[in-house]
């Protein structure tokens, strides 16, 4: 399993498409589902639900012997560790593909791609880019090269929807949108960790909300 890691406009999907062809892998890119289904970046929590289902699908794909590319960005080490753990449970290797991008170049790419084809992407404002850069946990050399897989940490309590254990809002590739109420989606970091702890790969992920 290839896991694309990086900020918006770092080149993740471009590289993922190259891997898709070169390695004959199945690519899962949430925006390519969110745009035709909901035409919104978050759609009141539906992105969390979609990403949870795509993670479940990725593991099922690995189990039948097909390589898969998870093109989510995965900004936190906890999320990346959970994905690596799930891949190991499925008997597959997991490679983190990290793409860095300088701040000025990122702004240029974001503006250029939205101007060129606004129907294929979401608008991101400069202030949000600065916020995202501060929230992104850059993977270090050990995380990118070590074969050791960290065990999943304790699951995030259901009441912490959309927040990390330190109280910060969970970062997304897109500006935060209004969240669903108590019955809405929870953040996909908790779902990833819960999946990793569950160990039953043949079950769908737990309800998100």
Protein backbone atom coordinates (compact mmCIF):
# COMPACT_ATOMS: atom_id res chain seq x y z
CA UNK A 1 0.00 0.00 0.00
CA UNK A 2 1.30 3.43 -0.96
CA UNK A 3 0.20 6.27 1.36
CA UNK A 4 0.52 9.77 -0.08
CA UNK A 5 1.62 12.29 2.54
CA UNK A 6 1.71 16.05 2.11
CA UNK A 7 -0.05 19.39 2.16
CA UNK A 8 -2.54 20.54 -0.49
CA UNK A 9 -0.89 21.19 -3.87
CA UNK A 10 2.28 19.33 -2.90
CA UNK A 11 1.86 17.06 -5.93
CA UNK A 12 0.32 14.06 -4.15
CA UNK A 13 -2.29 13.19 -6.75
CA UNK A 14 0.08 13.79 -9.66
CA UNK A 15 2.57 11.37 -8.09
CA UNK A 16 -0.24 8.95 -7.19
CA UNK A 17 -1.32 8.83 -10.83
CA UNK A 18 2.24 8.00 -11.84
CA UNK A 19 2.36 5.17 -9.30
CA UNK A 20 -1.04 3.97 -10.49
CA UNK A 21 0.40 3.44 -13.98
CA UNK A 22 3.92 2.36 -13.09
CA UNK A 23 2.93 -0.10 -10.35
CA UNK A 24 -0.46 -1.18 -11.72
CA UNK A 25 -2.14 -0.10 -8.48
CA UNK A 26 -5.66 1.06 -7.67
CA UNK A 27 -5.72 4.73 -6.62
CA UNK A 28 -8.21 6.08 -4.07
CA UNK A 29 -8.42 9.89 -4.16
CA UNK A 30 -11.28 11.33 -2.04
CA UNK A 31 -11.75 14.52 -4.12
CA UNK A 32 -12.61 12.41 -7.16
CA UNK A 33 -15.55 11.05 -5.17
CA UNK A 34 -16.53 14.18 -3.21
CA UNK A 35 -16.83 16.43 -6.27
CA UNK A 36 -19.29 14.31 -8.30
CA UNK A 37 -21.22 13.09 -5.26
CA UNK A 38 -21.52 16.26 -3.16
CA UNK A 39 -19.72 19.16 -4.93
CA UNK A 40 -18.34 20.20 -1.53
CA UNK A 41 -15.07 19.65 0.31
CA UNK A 42 -16.67 18.37 3.51
CA UNK A 43 -20.46 18.17 2.89
CA UNK A 44 -21.43 18.24 6.59
CA UNK A 45 -19.20 15.35 7.62
CA UNK A 46 -19.69 13.17 4.54
CA UNK A 47 -16.00 13.40 3.69
CA UNK A 48 -15.15 11.63 6.95
CA UNK A 49 -17.63 8.87 6.10
CA UNK A 50 -16.25 8.54 2.58
CA UNK A 51 -12.63 8.39 3.72
CA UNK A 52 -13.52 5.74 6.30
CA UNK A 53 -15.13 3.60 3.60
CA UNK A 54 -12.18 4.11 1.26
CA UNK A 55 -9.79 2.93 3.98
CA UNK A 56 -11.93 -0.19 4.46
CA UNK A 57 -11.93 -0.70 0.68
CA UNK A 58 -8.15 -0.27 0.52
CA UNK A 59 -7.65 -3.08 3.05
CA UNK A 60 -10.02 -5.38 1.16
CA UNK A 61 -8.09 -4.63 -2.04
CA UNK A 62 -4.82 -5.57 -0.32
CA UNK A 63 -6.33 -8.81 0.89
CA UNK A 64 -7.05 -9.95 -2.66
CA UNK A 65 -3.46 -9.24 -3.69
CA UNK A 66 -3.77 -5.90 -5.47
CA UNK A 67 -1.61 -2.87 -4.65
CA UNK A 68 -3.49 0.25 -3.59
CA UNK A 69 -2.67 3.95 -3.32
CA UNK A 70 -4.28 5.90 -0.47
CA UNK A 71 -4.19 9.50 -1.70
CA UNK A 72 -5.50 11.26 1.44
CA UNK A 73 -2.64 13.50 2.60
CA UNK A 74 -2.73 11.98 6.13
CA UNK A 75 -1.33 14.94 8.06
CA UNK A 76 -0.83 13.25 11.45
CA UNK A 77 1.61 10.53 12.47
CA UNK A 78 -1.20 8.72 14.30
CA UNK A 79 -3.17 8.37 11.07
CA UNK A 80 -0.11 7.19 9.17
CA UNK A 81 0.77 4.66 11.88
CA UNK A 82 -2.79 3.33 11.86
CA UNK A 83 -2.71 2.86 8.09
CA UNK A 84 0.64 1.06 8.31
CA UNK A 85 -0.75 -1.18 11.03
CA UNK A 86 -3.82 -2.03 8.94
CA UNK A 87 -1.65 -2.86 5.92
CA UNK A 88 0.51 -5.15 8.06
CA UNK A 89 -2.61 -6.93 9.33
CA UNK A 90 -3.58 -7.55 5.71
CA UNK A 91 -0.13 -9.03 5.04
CA UNK A 92 1.01 -6.11 2.90
CA UNK A 93 3.90 -3.68 2.98
CA UNK A 94 3.19 0.02 3.37
CA UNK A 95 5.27 2.81 1.87
CA UNK A 96 4.82 6.44 2.88
CA UNK A 97 5.30 8.73 -0.14
CA UNK A 98 6.01 12.21 1.24
CA UNK A 99 6.02 15.28 -0.98
CA UNK A 100 7.15 18.61 0.42
CA UNK A 101 6.26 21.98 -1.08
CA UNK A 102 7.51 25.48 -0.30
CA UNK A 103 4.92 28.01 0.85
CA UNK A 104 5.18 30.33 -2.17
CA UNK A 105 5.04 27.47 -4.63
CA UNK A 106 2.06 25.98 -2.82
CA UNK A 107 0.09 29.24 -3.09
CA UNK A 108 0.93 29.45 -6.79
CA UNK A 109 -0.21 25.89 -7.47
CA UNK A 110 -3.45 26.27 -5.52
CA UNK A 111 -4.37 29.43 -7.42
CA UNK A 112 -3.33 28.02 -10.79
CA UNK A 113 -5.24 24.76 -10.53
CA UNK A 114 -8.45 26.44 -9.36
CA UNK A 115 -8.23 29.04 -12.13
CA UNK A 116 -7.56 26.37 -14.75
CA UNK A 117 -10.35 23.95 -13.81
CA UNK A 118 -12.49 25.00 -10.83
CA UNK A 119 -14.85 22.04 -11.33
CA UNK A 120 -12.07 19.52 -10.62
CA UNK A 121 -10.89 20.95 -7.29
CA UNK A 122 -11.90 23.05 -4.29
CA UNK A 123 -10.93 26.64 -3.58
CA UNK A 124 -8.49 27.10 -0.69
CA UNK A 125 -7.85 30.56 0.75
CA UNK A 126 -4.32 31.78 1.65
CA UNK A 127 -5.17 32.02 5.33
CA UNK A 128 -6.22 28.38 5.38
CA UNK A 129 -2.95 27.34 3.74
CA UNK A 130 -1.00 28.98 6.56
CA UNK A 131 -3.20 27.28 9.15
CA UNK A 132 -2.74 23.88 7.50
CA UNK A 133 1.04 24.26 7.36
CA UNK A 134 1.09 24.84 11.09
CA UNK A 135 -1.01 21.75 11.78
CA UNK A 136 0.79 19.34 9.45
CA UNK A 137 3.08 16.85 11.20
CA UNK A 138 6.07 16.44 8.89
CA UNK A 139 7.26 12.80 8.82
CA UNK A 140 10.86 12.42 9.91
CA UNK A 141 13.49 10.14 8.38
CA UNK A 142 12.79 7.29 10.79
CA UNK A 143 9.07 7.29 10.04
CA UNK A 144 9.68 7.27 6.29
CA UNK A 145 12.34 4.55 6.30
CA UNK A 146 11.74 2.31 9.33
CA UNK A 147 10.10 -1.07 8.79
CA UNK A 148 8.81 -1.05 12.38
CA UNK A 149 5.10 -0.34 12.74
CA UNK A 150 3.96 1.54 15.84
CA UNK A 151 0.96 -0.05 17.60
CA UNK A 152 -2.26 1.97 17.35
CA UNK A 153 -2.78 4.40 20.21
CA UNK A 154 -6.01 4.35 22.27
CA UNK A 155 -9.03 5.33 20.22
CA UNK A 156 -10.24 8.92 20.37
CA UNK A 157 -13.38 9.22 22.53
CA UNK A 158 -16.60 9.69 20.52
CA UNK A 159 -17.15 13.14 22.06
CA UNK A 160 -13.99 14.52 20.47
CA UNK A 161 -15.36 14.60 16.92
CA UNK A 162 -13.15 16.65 14.65
CA UNK A 163 -10.51 17.32 17.35
CA UNK A 164 -7.19 15.76 18.21
CA UNK A 165 -6.29 14.59 21.68
CA UNK A 166 -4.54 17.93 22.22
CA UNK A 167 -7.71 19.86 21.39
CA UNK A 168 -6.68 21.09 17.94
CA UNK A 169 -9.08 20.66 15.06
CA UNK A 170 -8.23 17.72 12.87
CA UNK A 171 -6.53 19.05 9.72
CA UNK A 172 -8.10 18.51 6.32
CA UNK A 173 -6.90 19.21 2.82
CA UNK A 174 -9.70 21.77 2.56
CA UNK A 175 -11.20 24.62 4.63
CA UNK A 176 -13.31 23.37 7.56
CA UNK A 177 -17.02 23.19 6.86
CA UNK A 178 -19.91 23.04 9.36
CA UNK A 179 -19.96 19.65 11.08
CA UNK A 180 -22.96 17.42 11.62
CA UNK A 181 -24.59 17.29 15.05
CA UNK A 182 -24.25 14.52 17.67
CA UNK A 183 -25.45 11.92 15.16
CA UNK A 184 -23.06 13.10 12.44
CA UNK A 185 -19.70 11.77 11.33
CA UNK A 186 -16.73 11.48 13.65
CA UNK A 187 -13.20 12.18 12.57
CA UNK A 188 -11.53 9.53 10.45
CA UNK A 189 -8.44 9.45 12.68
CA UNK A 190 -10.55 7.70 15.32
CA UNK A 191 -11.97 5.33 12.70
CA UNK A 192 -8.47 4.45 11.49
CA UNK A 193 -7.31 3.70 15.02
CA UNK A 194 -10.46 1.72 15.82
CA UNK A 195 -10.03 -0.32 12.65
CA UNK A 196 -6.41 -1.02 13.54
CA UNK A 197 -7.35 -2.14 17.05
CA UNK A 198 -10.32 -4.20 15.89
CA UNK A 199 -8.27 -6.62 13.82
CA UNK A 200 -11.38 -8.00 12.06
CA UNK A 201 -10.62 -6.95 8.52
CA UNK A 202 -13.72 -8.57 7.08
CA UNK A 203 -16.11 -6.22 8.84
CA UNK A 204 -17.07 -2.78 7.66
CA UNK A 205 -15.73 0.12 9.73
CA UNK A 206 -17.77 1.12 12.79
CA UNK A 207 -20.60 3.63 12.34
CA UNK A 208 -19.27 7.17 12.20
CA UNK A 209 -21.44 9.05 14.61
